[in-house]
């Protein structure tokens, strides 16, 4: 029984990693920045999802842009995607939510190498 659980865990962790690769591959030419927040960077397991923070230049409202990203990616794992414009990201920079989220962030892609 434990072997079966271990195998499921291994397969799911592989799906998580492949999903991260897909996110970067499909979005890097469309966005300013992609990062992982939440538990995945420190603990990939059967109960882990991907929490993805994206910064993208767009005129679309929040729901439209997130819907577009979900449909573009079609990931085989659970993912929570937050997508801000650069201006929204800058405004949110001092919020407790974003400060906490960025504490253990793993930047996957950034158009410019200069960080905040």
PDB file of N, CA and C in Angstrom:
ATOM      1  N   UNK A   1       0.821  -1.200   0.000  1.00  0.00           N
ATOM      2  CA  UNK A   1       0.000   0.000   0.000  1.00  0.00           C
ATOM      3  C   UNK A   1       0.861   1.258   0.000  1.00  0.00           C
ATOM      4  N   UNK A   2       1.899   1.282   0.832  1.00  0.00           N
ATOM      5  CA  UNK A   2       2.784   2.449   0.889  1.00  0.00           C
ATOM      6  C   UNK A   2       3.494   2.669  -0.448  1.00  0.00           C
ATOM      7  N   UNK A   3       3.851   1.563  -1.125  1.00  0.00           N
ATOM      8  CA  UNK A   3       4.503   1.683  -2.433  1.00  0.00           C
ATOM      9  C   UNK A   3       3.585   2.367  -3.439  1.00  0.00           C
ATOM     10  N   UNK A   4       2.296   2.039  -3.374  1.00  0.00           N
ATOM     11  CA  UNK A   4       1.328   2.656  -4.289  1.00  0.00           C
ATOM     12  C   UNK A   4       1.217   4.155  -4.002  1.00  0.00           C
ATOM     13  N   UNK A   5       1.169   4.530  -2.748  1.00  0.00           N
ATOM     14  CA  UNK A   5       1.104   5.945  -2.367  1.00  0.00           C
ATOM     15  C   UNK A   5       2.364   6.666  -2.819  1.00  0.00           C
ATOM     16  N   UNK A   6       3.509   6.045  -2.619  1.00  0.00           N
ATOM     17  CA  UNK A   6       4.777   6.644  -3.038  1.00  0.00           C
ATOM     18  C   UNK A   6       4.811   6.854  -4.550  1.00  0.00           C
ATOM     19  N   UNK A   7       4.295   5.887  -5.289  1.00  0.00           N
ATOM     20  CA  UNK A   7       4.253   5.999  -6.754  1.00  0.00           C
ATOM     21  C   UNK A   7       3.312   7.127  -7.181  1.00  0.00           C
ATOM     22  N   UNK A   8       2.141   7.222  -6.552  1.00  0.00           N
ATOM     23  CA  UNK A   8       1.212   8.315  -6.846  1.00  0.00           C
ATOM     24  C   UNK A   8       1.856   9.667  -6.549  1.00  0.00           C
ATOM     25  N   UNK A   9       2.525   9.740  -5.437  1.00  0.00           N
ATOM     26  CA  UNK A   9       3.210  10.972  -5.048  1.00  0.00           C
ATOM     27  C   UNK A   9       4.266  11.345  -6.089  1.00  0.00           C
ATOM     28  N   UNK A  10       5.057  10.381  -6.507  1.00  0.00           N
ATOM     29  CA  UNK A  10       6.099  10.629  -7.501  1.00  0.00           C
ATOM     30  C   UNK A  10       5.504  11.130  -8.817  1.00  0.00           C
ATOM     31  N   UNK A  11       4.428  10.475  -9.270  1.00  0.00           N
ATOM     32  CA  UNK A  11       3.771  10.893 -10.509  1.00  0.00           C
ATOM     33  C   UNK A  11       3.200  12.304 -10.399  1.00  0.00           C
ATOM     34  N   UNK A  12       2.585  12.595  -9.271  1.00  0.00           N
ATOM     35  CA  UNK A  12       1.989  13.923  -9.092  1.00  0.00           C
ATOM     36  C   UNK A  12       3.067  15.003  -9.039  1.00  0.00           C
ATOM     37  N   UNK A  13       4.159  14.724  -8.359  1.00  0.00           N
ATOM     38  CA  UNK A  13       5.264  15.688  -8.299  1.00  0.00           C
ATOM     39  C   UNK A  13       5.817  15.930  -9.707  1.00  0.00           C
ATOM     40  N   UNK A  14       5.890  14.892 -10.524  1.00  0.00           N
ATOM     41  CA  UNK A  14       6.316  15.055 -11.915  1.00  0.00           C
ATOM     42  C   UNK A  14       5.334  15.933 -12.683  1.00  0.00           C
ATOM     43  N   UNK A  15       4.033  15.728 -12.458  1.00  0.00           N
ATOM     44  CA  UNK A  15       3.014  16.567 -13.109  1.00  0.00           C
ATOM     45  C   UNK A  15       3.150  18.024 -12.674  1.00  0.00           C
ATOM     46  N   UNK A  16       3.423  18.251 -11.398  1.00  0.00           N
ATOM     47  CA  UNK A  16       3.635  19.616 -10.919  1.00  0.00           C
ATOM     48  C   UNK A  16       4.812  20.260 -11.647  1.00  0.00           C
ATOM     49  N   UNK A  17       5.919  19.534 -11.721  1.00  0.00           N
ATOM     50  CA  UNK A  17       7.114  20.073 -12.372  1.00  0.00           C
ATOM     51  C   UNK A  17       6.869  20.345 -13.859  1.00  0.00           C
ATOM     52  N   UNK A  18       6.215  19.412 -14.536  1.00  0.00           N
ATOM     53  CA  UNK A  18       5.906  19.621 -15.958  1.00  0.00           C
ATOM     54  C   UNK A  18       4.971  20.815 -16.138  1.00  0.00           C
ATOM     55  N   UNK A  19       4.048  20.989 -15.211  1.00  0.00           N
ATOM     56  CA  UNK A  19       3.129  22.124 -15.277  1.00  0.00           C
ATOM     57  C   UNK A  19       3.876  23.446 -15.132  1.00  0.00           C
ATOM     58  N   UNK A  20       4.856  23.479 -14.252  1.00  0.00           N
ATOM     59  CA  UNK A  20       5.686  24.680 -14.094  1.00  0.00           C
ATOM     60  C   UNK A  20       6.392  24.990 -15.407  1.00  0.00           C
ATOM     61  N   UNK A  21       6.929  23.978 -16.057  1.00  0.00           N
ATOM     62  CA  UNK A  21       7.607  24.169 -17.342  1.00  0.00           C
ATOM     63  C   UNK A  21       6.645  24.692 -18.404  1.00  0.00           C
ATOM     64  N   UNK A  22       5.426  24.156 -18.432  1.00  0.00           N
ATOM     65  CA  UNK A  22       4.415  24.593 -19.388  1.00  0.00           C
ATOM     66  C   UNK A  22       4.044  26.057 -19.147  1.00  0.00           C
ATOM     67  N   UNK A  23       3.896  26.423 -17.896  1.00  0.00           N
ATOM     68  CA  UNK A  23       3.547  27.807 -17.558  1.00  0.00           C
ATOM     69  C   UNK A  23       4.588  28.764 -18.137  1.00  0.00           C
ATOM     70  N   UNK A  24       5.837  28.484 -17.901  1.00  0.00           N
ATOM     71  CA  UNK A  24       6.904  29.367 -18.394  1.00  0.00           C
ATOM     72  C   UNK A  24       6.932  29.353 -19.917  1.00  0.00           C
ATOM     73  N   UNK A  25       6.861  28.174 -20.505  1.00  0.00           N
ATOM     74  CA  UNK A  25       6.932  28.051 -21.961  1.00  0.00           C
ATOM     75  C   UNK A  25       5.804  28.818 -22.654  1.00  0.00           C
ATOM     76  N   UNK A  26       4.587  28.680 -22.152  1.00  0.00           N
ATOM     77  CA  UNK A  26       3.441  29.292 -22.825  1.00  0.00           C
ATOM     78  C   UNK A  26       3.255  30.774 -22.511  1.00  0.00           C
ATOM     79  N   UNK A  27       3.808  31.249 -21.401  1.00  0.00           N
ATOM     80  CA  UNK A  27       3.544  32.628 -20.999  1.00  0.00           C
ATOM     81  C   UNK A  27       4.721  33.583 -21.136  1.00  0.00           C
ATOM     82  N   UNK A  28       5.929  33.089 -21.250  1.00  0.00           N
ATOM     83  CA  UNK A  28       7.095  33.982 -21.166  1.00  0.00           C
ATOM     84  C   UNK A  28       7.103  35.087 -22.220  1.00  0.00           C
ATOM     85  N   UNK A  29       6.522  34.856 -23.385  1.00  0.00           N
ATOM     86  CA  UNK A  29       6.488  35.902 -24.411  1.00  0.00           C
ATOM     87  C   UNK A  29       5.305  36.848 -24.254  1.00  0.00           C
ATOM     88  N   UNK A  30       4.440  36.567 -23.282  1.00  0.00           N
ATOM     89  CA  UNK A  30       3.228  37.364 -23.109  1.00  0.00           C
ATOM     90  C   UNK A  30       3.213  38.179 -21.821  1.00  0.00           C
ATOM     91  N   UNK A  31       4.140  37.896 -20.906  1.00  0.00           N
ATOM     92  CA  UNK A  31       4.070  38.495 -19.573  1.00  0.00           C
ATOM     93  C   UNK A  31       5.392  39.149 -19.186  1.00  0.00           C
ATOM     94  N   UNK A  32       5.335  39.943 -18.134  1.00  0.00           N
ATOM     95  CA  UNK A  32       6.527  40.595 -17.602  1.00  0.00           C
ATOM     96  C   UNK A  32       7.232  39.703 -16.572  1.00  0.00           C
ATOM     97  N   UNK A  33       6.421  38.904 -15.858  1.00  0.00           N
ATOM     98  CA  UNK A  33       6.987  38.165 -14.724  1.00  0.00           C
ATOM     99  C   UNK A  33       6.094  36.982 -14.373  1.00  0.00           C
ATOM    100  N   UNK A  34       6.723  35.866 -13.981  1.00  0.00           N
ATOM    101  CA  UNK A  34       6.013  34.683 -13.501  1.00  0.00           C
ATOM    102  C   UNK A  34       6.742  34.198 -12.257  1.00  0.00           C
ATOM    103  N   UNK A  35       5.994  33.956 -11.197  1.00  0.00           N
ATOM    104  CA  UNK A  35       6.627  33.395 -10.003  1.00  0.00           C
ATOM    105  C   UNK A  35       5.676  32.432  -9.309  1.00  0.00           C
ATOM    106  N   UNK A  36       6.276  31.555  -8.519  1.00  0.00           N
ATOM    107  CA  UNK A  36       5.510  30.632  -7.693  1.00  0.00           C
ATOM    108  C   UNK A  36       5.514  31.162  -6.270  1.00  0.00           C
ATOM    109  N   UNK A  37       4.353  31.146  -5.674  1.00  0.00           N
ATOM    110  CA  UNK A  37       4.220  31.518  -4.268  1.00  0.00           C
ATOM    111  C   UNK A  37       3.521  30.342  -3.584  1.00  0.00           C
ATOM    112  N   UNK A  38       3.345  30.405  -2.315  1.00  0.00           N
ATOM    113  CA  UNK A  38       2.654  29.321  -1.630  1.00  0.00           C
ATOM    114  C   UNK A  38       3.575  28.173  -1.289  1.00  0.00           C
ATOM    115  N   UNK A  39       3.004  26.983  -1.148  1.00  0.00           N
ATOM    116  CA  UNK A  39       3.744  25.844  -0.594  1.00  0.00           C
ATOM    117  C   UNK A  39       4.565  25.059  -1.608  1.00  0.00           C
ATOM    118  N   UNK A  40       4.251  25.129  -2.883  1.00  0.00           N
ATOM    119  CA  UNK A  40       4.946  24.274  -3.853  1.00  0.00           C
ATOM    120  C   UNK A  40       6.468  24.410  -3.816  1.00  0.00           C
ATOM    121  N   UNK A  41       7.018  25.617  -3.784  1.00  0.00           N
ATOM    122  CA  UNK A  41       8.486  25.692  -3.799  1.00  0.00           C
ATOM    123  C   UNK A  41       9.166  24.956  -2.640  1.00  0.00           C
ATOM    124  N   UNK A  42       8.484  24.842  -1.510  1.00  0.00           N
ATOM    125  CA  UNK A  42       9.124  24.194  -0.360  1.00  0.00           C
ATOM    126  C   UNK A  42       8.604  22.781  -0.094  1.00  0.00           C
ATOM    127  N   UNK A  43       7.423  22.442  -0.654  1.00  0.00           N
ATOM    128  CA  UNK A  43       6.839  21.139  -0.320  1.00  0.00           C
ATOM    129  C   UNK A  43       5.945  20.657  -1.458  1.00  0.00           C
ATOM    130  N   UNK A  44       6.492  19.888  -2.352  1.00  0.00           N
ATOM    131  CA  UNK A  44       5.700  19.304  -3.425  1.00  0.00           C
ATOM    132  C   UNK A  44       5.199  17.941  -2.950  1.00  0.00           C
ATOM    133  N   UNK A  45       3.878  17.780  -2.934  1.00  0.00           N
ATOM    134  CA  UNK A  45       3.285  16.547  -2.430  1.00  0.00           C
ATOM    135  C   UNK A  45       1.931  16.347  -3.102  1.00  0.00           C
ATOM    136  N   UNK A  46       1.250  15.292  -2.737  1.00  0.00           N
ATOM    137  CA  UNK A  46      -0.061  14.997  -3.324  1.00  0.00           C
ATOM    138  C   UNK A  46      -1.097  16.087  -3.051  1.00  0.00           C
ATOM    139  N   UNK A  47      -0.930  16.818  -1.982  1.00  0.00           N
ATOM    140  CA  UNK A  47      -1.930  17.817  -1.611  1.00  0.00           C
ATOM    141  C   UNK A  47      -1.492  19.238  -1.958  1.00  0.00           C
ATOM    142  N   UNK A  48      -0.462  19.355  -2.785  1.00  0.00           N
ATOM    143  CA  UNK A  48       0.077  20.647  -3.167  1.00  0.00           C
ATOM    144  C   UNK A  48      -0.530  21.086  -4.494  1.00  0.00           C
ATOM    145  N   UNK A  49      -0.877  22.361  -4.568  1.00  0.00           N
ATOM    146  CA  UNK A  49      -1.272  22.924  -5.849  1.00  0.00           C
ATOM    147  C   UNK A  49      -0.219  23.952  -6.245  1.00  0.00           C
ATOM    148  N   UNK A  50      -0.398  24.565  -7.390  1.00  0.00           N
ATOM    149  CA  UNK A  50       0.512  25.621  -7.820  1.00  0.00           C
ATOM    150  C   UNK A  50      -0.156  26.969  -7.581  1.00  0.00           C
ATOM    151  N   UNK A  51       0.516  27.835  -6.885  1.00  0.00           N
ATOM    152  CA  UNK A  51       0.058  29.206  -6.690  1.00  0.00           C
ATOM    153  C   UNK A  51       0.965  30.074  -7.547  1.00  0.00           C
ATOM    154  N   UNK A  52       0.393  30.625  -8.607  1.00  0.00           N
ATOM    155  CA  UNK A  52       1.185  31.322  -9.619  1.00  0.00           C
ATOM    156  C   UNK A  52       0.825  32.799  -9.603  1.00  0.00           C
ATOM    157  N   UNK A  53       1.857  33.624  -9.516  1.00  0.00           N
ATOM    158  CA  UNK A  53       1.697  35.078  -9.559  1.00  0.00           C
ATOM    159  C   UNK A  53       2.269  35.554 -10.888  1.00  0.00           C
ATOM    160  N   UNK A  54       1.437  36.232 -11.667  1.00  0.00           N
ATOM    161  CA  UNK A  54       1.831  36.704 -12.991  1.00  0.00           C
ATOM    162  C   UNK A  54       1.665  38.216 -13.036  1.00  0.00           C
ATOM    163  N   UNK A  55       2.625  38.871 -13.657  1.00  0.00           N
ATOM    164  CA  UNK A  55       2.522  40.305 -13.924  1.00  0.00           C
ATOM    165  C   UNK A  55       2.514  40.444 -15.438  1.00  0.00           C
ATOM    166  N   UNK A  56       1.449  41.085 -15.956  1.00  0.00           N
ATOM    167  CA  UNK A  56       1.253  41.145 -17.402  1.00  0.00           C
ATOM    168  C   UNK A  56       0.665  42.493 -17.805  1.00  0.00           C
ATOM    169  N   UNK A  57       1.171  43.046 -18.871  1.00  0.00           N
ATOM    170  CA  UNK A  57       0.597  44.271 -19.432  1.00  0.00           C
ATOM    171  C   UNK A  57      -0.646  43.882 -20.224  1.00  0.00           C
ATOM    172  N   UNK A  58      -1.773  44.465 -19.827  1.00  0.00           N
ATOM    173  CA  UNK A  58      -3.031  44.153 -20.501  1.00  0.00           C
ATOM    174  C   UNK A  58      -4.065  45.216 -20.146  1.00  0.00           C
ATOM    175  N   UNK A  59      -5.037  45.349 -21.009  1.00  0.00           N
ATOM    176  CA  UNK A  59      -6.168  46.235 -20.755  1.00  0.00           C
ATOM    177  C   UNK A  59      -7.366  45.443 -20.222  1.00  0.00           C
ATOM    178  N   UNK A  60      -7.265  44.128 -20.208  1.00  0.00           N
ATOM    179  CA  UNK A  60      -8.367  43.286 -19.745  1.00  0.00           C
ATOM    180  C   UNK A  60      -8.533  43.416 -18.237  1.00  0.00           C
ATOM    181  N   UNK A  61      -9.776  43.231 -17.784  1.00  0.00           N
ATOM    182  CA  UNK A  61      -9.991  43.264 -16.338  1.00  0.00           C
ATOM    183  C   UNK A  61      -9.476  41.973 -15.708  1.00  0.00           C
ATOM    184  N   UNK A  62      -9.426  41.970 -14.393  1.00  0.00           N
ATOM    185  CA  UNK A  62      -8.817  40.864 -13.654  1.00  0.00           C
ATOM    186  C   UNK A  62      -9.408  39.514 -14.059  1.00  0.00           C
ATOM    187  N   UNK A  63     -10.719  39.392 -14.069  1.00  0.00           N
ATOM    188  CA  UNK A  63     -11.351  38.103 -14.385  1.00  0.00           C
ATOM    189  C   UNK A  63     -11.087  37.659 -15.812  1.00  0.00           C
ATOM    190  N   UNK A  64     -11.133  38.586 -16.751  1.00  0.00           N
ATOM    191  CA  UNK A  64     -10.878  38.233 -18.149  1.00  0.00           C
ATOM    192  C   UNK A  64      -9.456  37.714 -18.353  1.00  0.00           C
ATOM    193  N   UNK A  65      -8.496  38.400 -17.727  1.00  0.00           N
ATOM    194  CA  UNK A  65      -7.098  37.969 -17.929  1.00  0.00           C
ATOM    195  C   UNK A  65      -6.825  36.624 -17.264  1.00  0.00           C
ATOM    196  N   UNK A  66      -7.389  36.394 -16.073  1.00  0.00           N
ATOM    197  CA  UNK A  66      -7.182  35.110 -15.401  1.00  0.00           C
ATOM    198  C   UNK A  66      -7.856  33.986 -16.190  1.00  0.00           C
ATOM    199  N   UNK A  67      -9.049  34.232 -16.668  1.00  0.00           N
ATOM    200  CA  UNK A  67      -9.766  33.241 -17.479  1.00  0.00           C
ATOM    201  C   UNK A  67      -8.941  32.885 -18.723  1.00  0.00           C
ATOM    202  N   UNK A  68      -8.387  33.891 -19.368  1.00  0.00           N
ATOM    203  CA  UNK A  68      -7.565  33.670 -20.560  1.00  0.00           C
ATOM    204  C   UNK A  68      -6.336  32.802 -20.229  1.00  0.00           C
ATOM    205  N   UNK A  69      -5.700  33.081 -19.121  1.00  0.00           N
ATOM    206  CA  UNK A  69      -4.507  32.323 -18.734  1.00  0.00           C
ATOM    207  C   UNK A  69      -4.864  30.874 -18.417  1.00  0.00           C
ATOM    208  N   UNK A  70      -5.941  30.664 -17.655  1.00  0.00           N
ATOM    209  CA  UNK A  70      -6.357  29.290 -17.352  1.00  0.00           C
ATOM    210  C   UNK A  70      -6.627  28.509 -18.636  1.00  0.00           C
ATOM    211  N   UNK A  71      -7.345  29.109 -19.579  1.00  0.00           N
ATOM    212  CA  UNK A  71      -7.675  28.384 -20.808  1.00  0.00           C
ATOM    213  C   UNK A  71      -6.444  28.153 -21.671  1.00  0.00           C
ATOM    214  N   UNK A  72      -5.511  29.076 -21.665  1.00  0.00           N
ATOM    215  CA  UNK A  72      -4.274  28.909 -22.423  1.00  0.00           C
ATOM    216  C   UNK A  72      -3.422  27.773 -21.863  1.00  0.00           C
ATOM    217  N   UNK A  73      -3.378  27.656 -20.546  1.00  0.00           N
ATOM    218  CA  UNK A  73      -2.498  26.678 -19.908  1.00  0.00           C
ATOM    219  C   UNK A  73      -3.082  25.273 -19.865  1.00  0.00           C
ATOM    220  N   UNK A  74      -4.337  25.126 -19.517  1.00  0.00           N
ATOM    221  CA  UNK A  74      -4.980  23.806 -19.379  1.00  0.00           C
ATOM    222  C   UNK A  74      -4.085  22.819 -18.625  1.00  0.00           C
ATOM    223  N   UNK A  75      -3.767  23.152 -17.390  1.00  0.00           N
ATOM    224  CA  UNK A  75      -2.844  22.352 -16.587  1.00  0.00           C
ATOM    225  C   UNK A  75      -3.504  21.091 -16.037  1.00  0.00           C
ATOM    226  N   UNK A  76      -2.721  20.004 -15.876  1.00  0.00           N
ATOM    227  CA  UNK A  76      -3.260  18.761 -15.330  1.00  0.00           C
ATOM    228  C   UNK A  76      -3.253  18.723 -13.794  1.00  0.00           C
ATOM    229  N   UNK A  77      -2.883  19.831 -13.158  1.00  0.00           N
ATOM    230  CA  UNK A  77      -2.857  19.923 -11.696  1.00  0.00           C
ATOM    231  C   UNK A  77      -3.656  21.150 -11.274  1.00  0.00           C
ATOM    232  N   UNK A  78      -4.035  21.191 -10.008  1.00  0.00           N
ATOM    233  CA  UNK A  78      -4.738  22.364  -9.497  1.00  0.00           C
ATOM    234  C   UNK A  78      -3.789  23.549  -9.455  1.00  0.00           C
ATOM    235  N   UNK A  79      -4.305  24.694  -9.869  1.00  0.00           N
ATOM    236  CA  UNK A  79      -3.484  25.906  -9.852  1.00  0.00           C
ATOM    237  C   UNK A  79      -4.362  27.097  -9.493  1.00  0.00           C
ATOM    238  N   UNK A  80      -3.822  27.949  -8.650  1.00  0.00           N
ATOM    239  CA  UNK A  80      -4.448  29.224  -8.332  1.00  0.00           C
ATOM    240  C   UNK A  80      -3.593  30.292  -8.993  1.00  0.00           C
ATOM    241  N   UNK A  81      -4.200  31.036  -9.897  1.00  0.00           N
ATOM    242  CA  UNK A  81      -3.454  32.023 -10.662  1.00  0.00           C
ATOM    243  C   UNK A  81      -3.927  33.415 -10.286  1.00  0.00           C
ATOM    244  N   UNK A  82      -2.962  34.263  -9.972  1.00  0.00           N
ATOM    245  CA  UNK A  82      -3.227  35.678  -9.711  1.00  0.00           C
ATOM    246  C   UNK A  82      -2.466  36.446 -10.777  1.00  0.00           C
ATOM    247  N   UNK A  83      -3.154  37.340 -11.456  1.00  0.00           N
ATOM    248  CA  UNK A  83      -2.512  38.090 -12.529  1.00  0.00           C
ATOM    249  C   UNK A  83      -2.761  39.583 -12.328  1.00  0.00           C
ATOM    250  N   UNK A  84      -1.685  40.315 -12.118  1.00  0.00           N
ATOM    251  CA  UNK A  84      -1.745  41.760 -11.943  1.00  0.00           C
ATOM    252  C   UNK A  84      -1.100  42.454 -13.132  1.00  0.00           C
ATOM    253  N   UNK A  85      -1.537  43.657 -13.402  1.00  0.00           N
ATOM    254  CA  UNK A  85      -0.803  44.507 -14.328  1.00  0.00           C
ATOM    255  C   UNK A  85       0.414  45.033 -13.565  1.00  0.00           C
ATOM    256  N   UNK A  86       1.428  45.551 -14.250  1.00  0.00           N
ATOM    257  CA  UNK A  86       2.576  46.116 -13.521  1.00  0.00           C
ATOM    258  C   UNK A  86       2.162  47.217 -12.538  1.00  0.00           C
ATOM    259  N   UNK A  87       1.186  48.017 -12.922  1.00  0.00           N
ATOM    260  CA  UNK A  87       0.715  49.095 -12.048  1.00  0.00           C
ATOM    261  C   UNK A  87       0.012  48.543 -10.807  1.00  0.00           C
ATOM    262  N   UNK A  88      -0.814  47.528 -10.989  1.00  0.00           N
ATOM    263  CA  UNK A  88      -1.483  46.894  -9.851  1.00  0.00           C
ATOM    264  C   UNK A  88      -0.462  46.238  -8.929  1.00  0.00           C
ATOM    265  N   UNK A  89       0.519  45.579  -9.527  1.00  0.00           N
ATOM    266  CA  UNK A  89       1.558  44.916  -8.738  1.00  0.00           C
ATOM    267  C   UNK A  89       2.315  45.935  -7.896  1.00  0.00           C
ATOM    268  N   UNK A  90       2.645  47.061  -8.482  1.00  0.00           N
ATOM    269  CA  UNK A  90       3.362  48.117  -7.748  1.00  0.00           C
ATOM    270  C   UNK A  90       2.507  48.659  -6.605  1.00  0.00           C
ATOM    271  N   UNK A  91       1.224  48.882  -6.853  1.00  0.00           N
ATOM    272  CA  UNK A  91       0.315  49.381  -5.804  1.00  0.00           C
ATOM    273  C   UNK A  91       0.168  48.369  -4.667  1.00  0.00           C
ATOM    274  N   UNK A  92       0.156  47.083  -5.030  1.00  0.00           N
ATOM    275  CA  UNK A  92      -0.034  46.025  -4.041  1.00  0.00           C
ATOM    276  C   UNK A  92       1.244  45.733  -3.259  1.00  0.00           C
ATOM    277  N   UNK A  93       2.368  46.267  -3.712  1.00  0.00           N
ATOM    278  CA  UNK A  93       3.668  45.954  -3.141  1.00  0.00           C
ATOM    279  C   UNK A  93       3.724  46.092  -1.622  1.00  0.00           C
ATOM    280  N   UNK A  94       2.981  47.026  -1.055  1.00  0.00           N
ATOM    281  CA  UNK A  94       3.005  47.241   0.393  1.00  0.00           C
ATOM    282  C   UNK A  94       1.888  46.519   1.136  1.00  0.00           C
ATOM    283  N   UNK A  95       1.059  45.779   0.421  1.00  0.00           N
ATOM    284  CA  UNK A  95      -0.038  45.070   1.088  1.00  0.00           C
ATOM    285  C   UNK A  95       0.512  43.882   1.867  1.00  0.00           C
ATOM    286  N   UNK A  96      -0.124  43.568   2.963  1.00  0.00           N
ATOM    287  CA  UNK A  96       0.337  42.434   3.775  1.00  0.00           C
ATOM    288  C   UNK A  96       0.223  41.125   2.996  1.00  0.00           C
ATOM    289  N   UNK A  97      -0.813  40.997   2.159  1.00  0.00           N
ATOM    290  CA  UNK A  97      -0.970  39.786   1.349  1.00  0.00           C
ATOM    291  C   UNK A  97       0.237  39.578   0.441  1.00  0.00           C
ATOM    292  N   UNK A  98       0.596  40.609  -0.314  1.00  0.00           N
ATOM    293  CA  UNK A  98       1.689  40.462  -1.268  1.00  0.00           C
ATOM    294  C   UNK A  98       3.032  40.326  -0.561  1.00  0.00           C
ATOM    295  N   UNK A  99       3.230  41.059   0.507  1.00  0.00           N
ATOM    296  CA  UNK A  99       4.487  40.921   1.255  1.00  0.00           C
ATOM    297  C   UNK A  99       4.676  39.479   1.722  1.00  0.00           C
ATOM    298  N   UNK A 100       3.619  38.890   2.274  1.00  0.00           N
ATOM    299  CA  UNK A 100       3.678  37.507   2.758  1.00  0.00           C
ATOM    300  C   UNK A 100       3.918  36.541   1.592  1.00  0.00           C
ATOM    301  N   UNK A 101       3.210  36.763   0.493  1.00  0.00           N
ATOM    302  CA  UNK A 101       3.337  35.880  -0.669  1.00  0.00           C
ATOM    303  C   UNK A 101       4.749  35.916  -1.250  1.00  0.00           C
ATOM    304  N   UNK A 102       5.380  37.072  -1.233  1.00  0.00           N
ATOM    305  CA  UNK A 102       6.694  37.218  -1.849  1.00  0.00           C
ATOM    306  C   UNK A 102       7.844  36.768  -0.958  1.00  0.00           C
ATOM    307  N   UNK A 103       7.558  36.486   0.310  1.00  0.00           N
ATOM    308  CA  UNK A 103       8.624  36.053   1.226  1.00  0.00           C
ATOM    309  C   UNK A 103       9.357  34.817   0.723  1.00  0.00           C
ATOM    310  N   UNK A 104       8.631  33.859   0.224  1.00  0.00           N
ATOM    311  CA  UNK A 104       9.240  32.599  -0.241  1.00  0.00           C
ATOM    312  C   UNK A 104       9.021  32.373  -1.727  1.00  0.00           C
ATOM    313  N   UNK A 105       8.828  33.441  -2.424  1.00  0.00           N
ATOM    314  CA  UNK A 105       8.569  33.381  -3.861  1.00  0.00           C
ATOM    315  C   UNK A 105       9.762  32.786  -4.619  1.00  0.00           C
ATOM    316  N   UNK A 106       9.426  32.059  -5.685  1.00  0.00           N
ATOM    317  CA  UNK A 106      10.441  31.568  -6.606  1.00  0.00           C
ATOM    318  C   UNK A 106      10.111  32.172  -7.971  1.00  0.00           C
ATOM    319  N   UNK A 107      10.974  33.054  -8.439  1.00  0.00           N
ATOM    320  CA  UNK A 107      10.757  33.702  -9.730  1.00  0.00           C
ATOM    321  C   UNK A 107      11.157  32.726 -10.829  1.00  0.00           C
ATOM    322  N   UNK A 108      10.199  32.437 -11.709  1.00  0.00           N
ATOM    323  CA  UNK A 108      10.444  31.513 -12.815  1.00  0.00           C
ATOM    324  C   UNK A 108      10.902  32.244 -14.070  1.00  0.00           C
ATOM    325  N   UNK A 109      10.367  33.443 -14.240  1.00  0.00           N
ATOM    326  CA  UNK A 109      10.688  34.239 -15.424  1.00  0.00           C
ATOM    327  C   UNK A 109      10.486  35.704 -15.078  1.00  0.00           C
ATOM    328  N   UNK A 110      11.404  36.517 -15.551  1.00  0.00           N
ATOM    329  CA  UNK A 110      11.262  37.960 -15.396  1.00  0.00           C
ATOM    330  C   UNK A 110      11.842  38.598 -16.644  1.00  0.00           C
ATOM    331  N   UNK A 111      11.025  39.398 -17.315  1.00  0.00           N
ATOM    332  CA  UNK A 111      11.450  39.997 -18.578  1.00  0.00           C
ATOM    333  C   UNK A 111      12.720  40.817 -18.403  1.00  0.00           C
ATOM    334  N   UNK A 112      12.794  41.596 -17.333  1.00  0.00           N
ATOM    335  CA  UNK A 112      13.984  42.399 -17.047  1.00  0.00           C
ATOM    336  C   UNK A 112      14.613  41.867 -15.792  1.00  0.00           C
ATOM    337  N   UNK A 113      15.916  41.853 -15.734  1.00  0.00           N
ATOM    338  CA  UNK A 113      16.599  41.272 -14.586  1.00  0.00           C
ATOM    339  C   UNK A 113      16.554  42.156 -13.351  1.00  0.00           C
ATOM    340  N   UNK A 114      16.165  43.415 -13.498  1.00  0.00           N
ATOM    341  CA  UNK A 114      16.095  44.293 -12.326  1.00  0.00           C
ATOM    342  C   UNK A 114      14.884  43.939 -11.492  1.00  0.00           C
ATOM    343  N   UNK A 115      15.111  43.710 -10.218  1.00  0.00           N
ATOM    344  CA  UNK A 115      14.019  43.411  -9.274  1.00  0.00           C
ATOM    345  C   UNK A 115      13.633  44.674  -8.563  1.00  0.00           C
ATOM    346  N   UNK A 116      12.493  44.642  -7.880  1.00  0.00           N
ATOM    347  CA  UNK A 116      12.003  45.780  -7.116  1.00  0.00           C
ATOM    348  C   UNK A 116      13.063  46.384  -6.244  1.00  0.00           C
TER     349      UNK A 116
END
